[in-house]
């Protein structure tokens, strides 16, 4: 699956960061720079992808 990070900005200036195609904590790692640039986070909703096992090659890279 293709990895996507979307930033949605509402009419009042509120923003939302959505990730697709990442599993486990990789979504947080990939979007951290955007979340820091956008300011304080007030809500987090985790998707089913967050709870999926990461592919073996990702697990190996992260444990080094």
PDB file of N, CA and C in Angstrom:
ATOM      1  N   UNK A   1       0.830  -1.182   0.000  1.00  0.00           N
ATOM      2  CA  UNK A   1       0.000   0.000   0.000  1.00  0.00           C
ATOM      3  C   UNK A   1       0.880   1.253   0.000  1.00  0.00           C
ATOM      4  N   UNK A   2       0.456   2.235  -0.732  1.00  0.00           N
ATOM      5  CA  UNK A   2       1.162   3.505  -0.824  1.00  0.00           C
ATOM      6  C   UNK A   2       1.079   4.250   0.516  1.00  0.00           C
ATOM      7  N   UNK A   3       2.165   4.892   0.915  1.00  0.00           N
ATOM      8  CA  UNK A   3       2.187   5.661   2.161  1.00  0.00           C
ATOM      9  C   UNK A   3       1.833   7.114   1.859  1.00  0.00           C
ATOM     10  N   UNK A   4       0.836   7.627   2.577  1.00  0.00           N
ATOM     11  CA  UNK A   4       0.325   8.974   2.337  1.00  0.00           C
ATOM     12  C   UNK A   4       0.197   9.727   3.651  1.00  0.00           C
ATOM     13  N   UNK A   5       0.586  10.996   3.632  1.00  0.00           N
ATOM     14  CA  UNK A   5       0.334  11.898   4.758  1.00  0.00           C
ATOM     15  C   UNK A   5      -0.486  13.057   4.204  1.00  0.00           C
ATOM     16  N   UNK A   6      -1.686  13.242   4.755  1.00  0.00           N
ATOM     17  CA  UNK A   6      -2.549  14.332   4.305  1.00  0.00           C
ATOM     18  C   UNK A   6      -2.684  15.358   5.414  1.00  0.00           C
ATOM     19  N   UNK A   7      -2.656  16.630   5.039  1.00  0.00           N
ATOM     20  CA  UNK A   7      -2.909  17.722   5.966  1.00  0.00           C
ATOM     21  C   UNK A   7      -4.184  18.406   5.497  1.00  0.00           C
ATOM     22  N   UNK A   8      -5.170  18.432   6.367  1.00  0.00           N
ATOM     23  CA  UNK A   8      -6.455  19.047   6.044  1.00  0.00           C
ATOM     24  C   UNK A   8      -6.599  20.305   6.895  1.00  0.00           C
ATOM     25  N   UNK A   9      -6.861  21.442   6.232  1.00  0.00           N
ATOM     26  CA  UNK A   9      -7.026  22.715   6.927  1.00  0.00           C
ATOM     27  C   UNK A   9      -8.473  23.143   6.773  1.00  0.00           C
ATOM     28  N   UNK A  10      -9.123  23.385   7.919  1.00  0.00           N
ATOM     29  CA  UNK A  10     -10.524  23.782   7.916  1.00  0.00           C
ATOM     30  C   UNK A  10     -10.697  25.276   7.711  1.00  0.00           C
ATOM     31  N   UNK A  11     -11.938  25.724   7.545  1.00  0.00           N
ATOM     32  CA  UNK A  11     -12.226  27.127   7.268  1.00  0.00           C
ATOM     33  C   UNK A  11     -11.845  28.083   8.400  1.00  0.00           C
ATOM     34  N   UNK A  12     -11.734  27.581   9.615  1.00  0.00           N
ATOM     35  CA  UNK A  12     -11.361  28.430  10.756  1.00  0.00           C
ATOM     36  C   UNK A  12      -9.879  28.317  11.096  1.00  0.00           C
ATOM     37  N   UNK A  13      -9.119  27.645  10.235  1.00  0.00           N
ATOM     38  CA  UNK A  13      -7.680  27.527  10.441  1.00  0.00           C
ATOM     39  C   UNK A  13      -7.258  26.283  11.196  1.00  0.00           C
ATOM     40  N   UNK A  14      -8.211  25.482  11.658  1.00  0.00           N
ATOM     41  CA  UNK A  14      -7.859  24.246  12.356  1.00  0.00           C
ATOM     42  C   UNK A  14      -7.277  23.253  11.345  1.00  0.00           C
ATOM     43  N   UNK A  15      -6.364  22.430  11.797  1.00  0.00           N
ATOM     44  CA  UNK A  15      -5.718  21.487  10.881  1.00  0.00           C
ATOM     45  C   UNK A  15      -5.796  20.074  11.431  1.00  0.00           C
ATOM     46  N   UNK A  16      -5.702  19.123  10.511  1.00  0.00           N
ATOM     47  CA  UNK A  16      -5.736  17.712  10.874  1.00  0.00           C
ATOM     48  C   UNK A  16      -4.709  16.991  10.008  1.00  0.00           C
ATOM     49  N   UNK A  17      -3.951  16.104  10.615  1.00  0.00           N
ATOM     50  CA  UNK A  17      -2.963  15.302   9.888  1.00  0.00           C
ATOM     51  C   UNK A  17      -3.470  13.864   9.859  1.00  0.00           C
ATOM     52  N   UNK A  18      -3.557  13.289   8.676  1.00  0.00           N
ATOM     53  CA  UNK A  18      -3.985  11.899   8.513  1.00  0.00           C
ATOM     54  C   UNK A  18      -2.890  11.121   7.801  1.00  0.00           C
ATOM     55  N   UNK A  19      -2.633   9.926   8.275  1.00  0.00           N
ATOM     56  CA  UNK A  19      -1.655   9.053   7.624  1.00  0.00           C
ATOM     57  C   UNK A  19      -2.356   7.796   7.133  1.00  0.00           C
ATOM     58  N   UNK A  20      -1.910   7.281   6.030  1.00  0.00           N
ATOM     59  CA  UNK A  20      -2.423   6.036   5.452  1.00  0.00           C
ATOM     60  C   UNK A  20      -1.242   5.203   4.972  1.00  0.00           C
ATOM     61  N   UNK A  21      -1.362   3.888   5.130  1.00  0.00           N
ATOM     62  CA  UNK A  21      -0.333   2.981   4.623  1.00  0.00           C
ATOM     63  C   UNK A  21       0.795   2.710   5.597  1.00  0.00           C
ATOM     64  N   UNK A  22       0.733   3.298   6.784  1.00  0.00           N
ATOM     65  CA  UNK A  22       1.743   3.053   7.815  1.00  0.00           C
ATOM     66  C   UNK A  22       1.153   2.090   8.827  1.00  0.00           C
ATOM     67  N   UNK A  23       1.997   1.300   9.476  1.00  0.00           N
ATOM     68  CA  UNK A  23       1.510   0.439  10.543  1.00  0.00           C
ATOM     69  C   UNK A  23       2.312   0.711  11.808  1.00  0.00           C
ATOM     70  N   UNK A  24       1.667   0.501  12.917  1.00  0.00           N
ATOM     71  CA  UNK A  24       2.316   0.734  14.203  1.00  0.00           C
ATOM     72  C   UNK A  24       2.692   2.191  14.378  1.00  0.00           C
ATOM     73  N   UNK A  25       3.743   2.418  15.114  1.00  0.00           N
ATOM     74  CA  UNK A  25       4.195   3.764  15.451  1.00  0.00           C
ATOM     75  C   UNK A  25       4.846   4.496  14.280  1.00  0.00           C
ATOM     76  N   UNK A  26       5.001   3.823  13.137  1.00  0.00           N
ATOM     77  CA  UNK A  26       5.625   4.457  11.967  1.00  0.00           C
ATOM     78  C   UNK A  26       4.837   5.678  11.513  1.00  0.00           C
ATOM     79  N   UNK A  27       3.517   5.681  11.719  1.00  0.00           N
ATOM     80  CA  UNK A  27       2.708   6.842  11.321  1.00  0.00           C
ATOM     81  C   UNK A  27       3.087   8.074  12.143  1.00  0.00           C
ATOM     82  N   UNK A  28       3.321   7.882  13.427  1.00  0.00           N
ATOM     83  CA  UNK A  28       3.720   9.015  14.280  1.00  0.00           C
ATOM     84  C   UNK A  28       5.101   9.528  13.885  1.00  0.00           C
ATOM     85  N   UNK A  29       6.005   8.612  13.609  1.00  0.00           N
ATOM     86  CA  UNK A  29       7.352   9.021  13.198  1.00  0.00           C
ATOM     87  C   UNK A  29       7.310   9.813  11.889  1.00  0.00           C
ATOM     88  N   UNK A  30       6.498   9.353  10.946  1.00  0.00           N
ATOM     89  CA  UNK A  30       6.437   9.989   9.630  1.00  0.00           C
ATOM     90  C   UNK A  30       5.790  11.367   9.678  1.00  0.00           C
ATOM     91  N   UNK A  31       4.828  11.566  10.556  1.00  0.00           N
ATOM     92  CA  UNK A  31       4.086  12.836  10.580  1.00  0.00           C
ATOM     93  C   UNK A  31       4.537  13.787  11.686  1.00  0.00           C
ATOM     94  N   UNK A  32       5.489  13.389  12.492  1.00  0.00           N
ATOM     95  CA  UNK A  32       5.920  14.205  13.635  1.00  0.00           C
ATOM     96  C   UNK A  32       6.338  15.625  13.228  1.00  0.00           C
ATOM     97  N   UNK A  33       7.083  15.757  12.148  1.00  0.00           N
ATOM     98  CA  UNK A  33       7.549  17.092  11.736  1.00  0.00           C
ATOM     99  C   UNK A  33       6.380  18.008  11.391  1.00  0.00           C
ATOM    100  N   UNK A  34       5.339  17.477  10.801  1.00  0.00           N
ATOM    101  CA  UNK A  34       4.162  18.288  10.477  1.00  0.00           C
ATOM    102  C   UNK A  34       3.408  18.681  11.743  1.00  0.00           C
ATOM    103  N   UNK A  35       3.232  17.746  12.637  1.00  0.00           N
ATOM    104  CA  UNK A  35       2.523  18.028  13.875  1.00  0.00           C
ATOM    105  C   UNK A  35       3.252  19.086  14.690  1.00  0.00           C
ATOM    106  N   UNK A  36       4.560  19.027  14.724  1.00  0.00           N
ATOM    107  CA  UNK A  36       5.338  20.033  15.446  1.00  0.00           C
ATOM    108  C   UNK A  36       5.211  21.396  14.781  1.00  0.00           C
ATOM    109  N   UNK A  37       5.214  21.431  13.463  1.00  0.00           N
ATOM    110  CA  UNK A  37       5.115  22.695  12.738  1.00  0.00           C
ATOM    111  C   UNK A  37       3.726  23.323  12.882  1.00  0.00           C
ATOM    112  N   UNK A  38       2.692  22.490  13.015  1.00  0.00           N
ATOM    113  CA  UNK A  38       1.327  22.995  13.089  1.00  0.00           C
ATOM    114  C   UNK A  38       0.933  23.453  14.494  1.00  0.00           C
ATOM    115  N   UNK A  39       1.663  23.042  15.500  1.00  0.00           N
ATOM    116  CA  UNK A  39       1.354  23.491  16.859  1.00  0.00           C
ATOM    117  C   UNK A  39       0.840  22.368  17.748  1.00  0.00           C
ATOM    118  N   UNK A  40       0.260  22.763  18.858  1.00  0.00           N
ATOM    119  CA  UNK A  40      -0.185  21.834  19.888  1.00  0.00           C
ATOM    120  C   UNK A  40      -1.289  20.909  19.375  1.00  0.00           C
ATOM    121  N   UNK A  41      -1.133  19.626  19.652  1.00  0.00           N
ATOM    122  CA  UNK A  41      -2.125  18.634  19.278  1.00  0.00           C
ATOM    123  C   UNK A  41      -3.197  18.575  20.368  1.00  0.00           C
ATOM    124  N   UNK A  42      -4.454  18.567  19.956  1.00  0.00           N
ATOM    125  CA  UNK A  42      -5.525  18.503  20.951  1.00  0.00           C
ATOM    126  C   UNK A  42      -6.290  17.184  20.913  1.00  0.00           C
ATOM    127  N   UNK A  43      -6.063  16.375  19.890  1.00  0.00           N
ATOM    128  CA  UNK A  43      -6.791  15.122  19.767  1.00  0.00           C
ATOM    129  C   UNK A  43      -5.992  14.159  18.883  1.00  0.00           C
ATOM    130  N   UNK A  44      -6.098  12.887  19.196  1.00  0.00           N
ATOM    131  CA  UNK A  44      -5.466  11.863  18.363  1.00  0.00           C
ATOM    132  C   UNK A  44      -6.424  10.694  18.238  1.00  0.00           C
ATOM    133  N   UNK A  45      -6.692  10.281  17.014  1.00  0.00           N
ATOM    134  CA  UNK A  45      -7.516   9.110  16.752  1.00  0.00           C
ATOM    135  C   UNK A  45      -6.659   8.093  16.018  1.00  0.00           C
ATOM    136  N   UNK A  46      -6.512   6.933  16.610  1.00  0.00           N
ATOM    137  CA  UNK A  46      -5.708   5.876  15.998  1.00  0.00           C
ATOM    138  C   UNK A  46      -6.601   4.990  15.143  1.00  0.00           C
ATOM    139  N   UNK A  47      -6.102   4.636  13.967  1.00  0.00           N
ATOM    140  CA  UNK A  47      -6.854   3.777  13.052  1.00  0.00           C
ATOM    141  C   UNK A  47      -6.457   2.321  13.268  1.00  0.00           C
ATOM    142  N   UNK A  48      -7.144   1.433  12.596  1.00  0.00           N
ATOM    143  CA  UNK A  48      -6.825   0.005  12.680  1.00  0.00           C
ATOM    144  C   UNK A  48      -5.405  -0.268  12.196  1.00  0.00           C
ATOM    145  N   UNK A  49      -4.910   0.534  11.236  1.00  0.00           N
ATOM    146  CA  UNK A  49      -3.542   0.354  10.726  1.00  0.00           C
ATOM    147  C   UNK A  49      -2.509   0.501  11.838  1.00  0.00           C
ATOM    148  N   UNK A  50      -2.775   1.352  12.822  1.00  0.00           N
ATOM    149  CA  UNK A  50      -1.837   1.560  13.925  1.00  0.00           C
ATOM    150  C   UNK A  50      -1.591   0.252  14.675  1.00  0.00           C
ATOM    151  N   UNK A  51      -2.618  -0.565  14.797  1.00  0.00           N
ATOM    152  CA  UNK A  51      -2.528  -1.795  15.587  1.00  0.00           C
ATOM    153  C   UNK A  51      -2.049  -2.994  14.784  1.00  0.00           C
ATOM    154  N   UNK A  52      -1.823  -2.831  13.490  1.00  0.00           N
ATOM    155  CA  UNK A  52      -1.311  -3.922  12.671  1.00  0.00           C
ATOM    156  C   UNK A  52       0.171  -4.114  12.931  1.00  0.00           C
ATOM    157  N   UNK A  53       0.618  -5.348  12.794  1.00  0.00           N
ATOM    158  CA  UNK A  53       2.050  -5.629  12.920  1.00  0.00           C
ATOM    159  C   UNK A  53       2.804  -4.954  11.793  1.00  0.00           C
ATOM    160  N   UNK A  54       4.003  -4.521  12.116  1.00  0.00           N
ATOM    161  CA  UNK A  54       4.860  -3.920  11.094  1.00  0.00           C
ATOM    162  C   UNK A  54       5.543  -5.029  10.311  1.00  0.00           C
ATOM    163  N   UNK A  55       5.819  -4.789   9.034  1.00  0.00           N
ATOM    164  CA  UNK A  55       6.570  -5.778   8.263  1.00  0.00           C
ATOM    165  C   UNK A  55       7.916  -6.060   8.936  1.00  0.00           C
ATOM    166  N   UNK A  56       8.411  -7.266   8.778  1.00  0.00           N
ATOM    167  CA  UNK A  56       9.647  -7.689   9.444  1.00  0.00           C
ATOM    168  C   UNK A  56      10.814  -6.758   9.152  1.00  0.00           C
ATOM    169  N   UNK A  57      10.962  -6.291   7.917  1.00  0.00           N
ATOM    170  CA  UNK A  57      12.100  -5.432   7.591  1.00  0.00           C
ATOM    171  C   UNK A  57      12.038  -4.095   8.327  1.00  0.00           C
ATOM    172  N   UNK A  58      10.833  -3.573   8.579  1.00  0.00           N
ATOM    173  CA  UNK A  58      10.723  -2.335   9.351  1.00  0.00           C
ATOM    174  C   UNK A  58      11.096  -2.588  10.806  1.00  0.00           C
ATOM    175  N   UNK A  59      10.647  -3.688  11.358  1.00  0.00           N
ATOM    176  CA  UNK A  59      10.961  -4.011  12.745  1.00  0.00           C
ATOM    177  C   UNK A  59      12.469  -4.126  12.946  1.00  0.00           C
ATOM    178  N   UNK A  60      13.156  -4.720  12.008  1.00  0.00           N
ATOM    179  CA  UNK A  60      14.605  -4.899  12.110  1.00  0.00           C
ATOM    180  C   UNK A  60      15.302  -3.529  12.065  1.00  0.00           C
ATOM    181  N   UNK A  61      14.894  -2.657  11.156  1.00  0.00           N
ATOM    182  CA  UNK A  61      15.504  -1.346  11.054  1.00  0.00           C
ATOM    183  C   UNK A  61      15.304  -0.535  12.315  1.00  0.00           C
ATOM    184  N   UNK A  62      14.149  -0.619  12.929  1.00  0.00           N
ATOM    185  CA  UNK A  62      13.867   0.175  14.107  1.00  0.00           C
ATOM    186  C   UNK A  62      14.585  -0.350  15.356  1.00  0.00           C
ATOM    187  N   UNK A  63      14.930  -1.631  15.384  1.00  0.00           N
ATOM    188  CA  UNK A  63      15.580  -2.173  16.562  1.00  0.00           C
ATOM    189  C   UNK A  63      17.085  -1.949  16.573  1.00  0.00           C
ATOM    190  N   UNK A  64      17.655  -1.436  15.492  1.00  0.00           N
ATOM    191  CA  UNK A  64      19.105  -1.249  15.420  1.00  0.00           C
ATOM    192  C   UNK A  64      19.539  -0.031  16.174  1.00  0.00           C
TER     193      UNK A  64
END
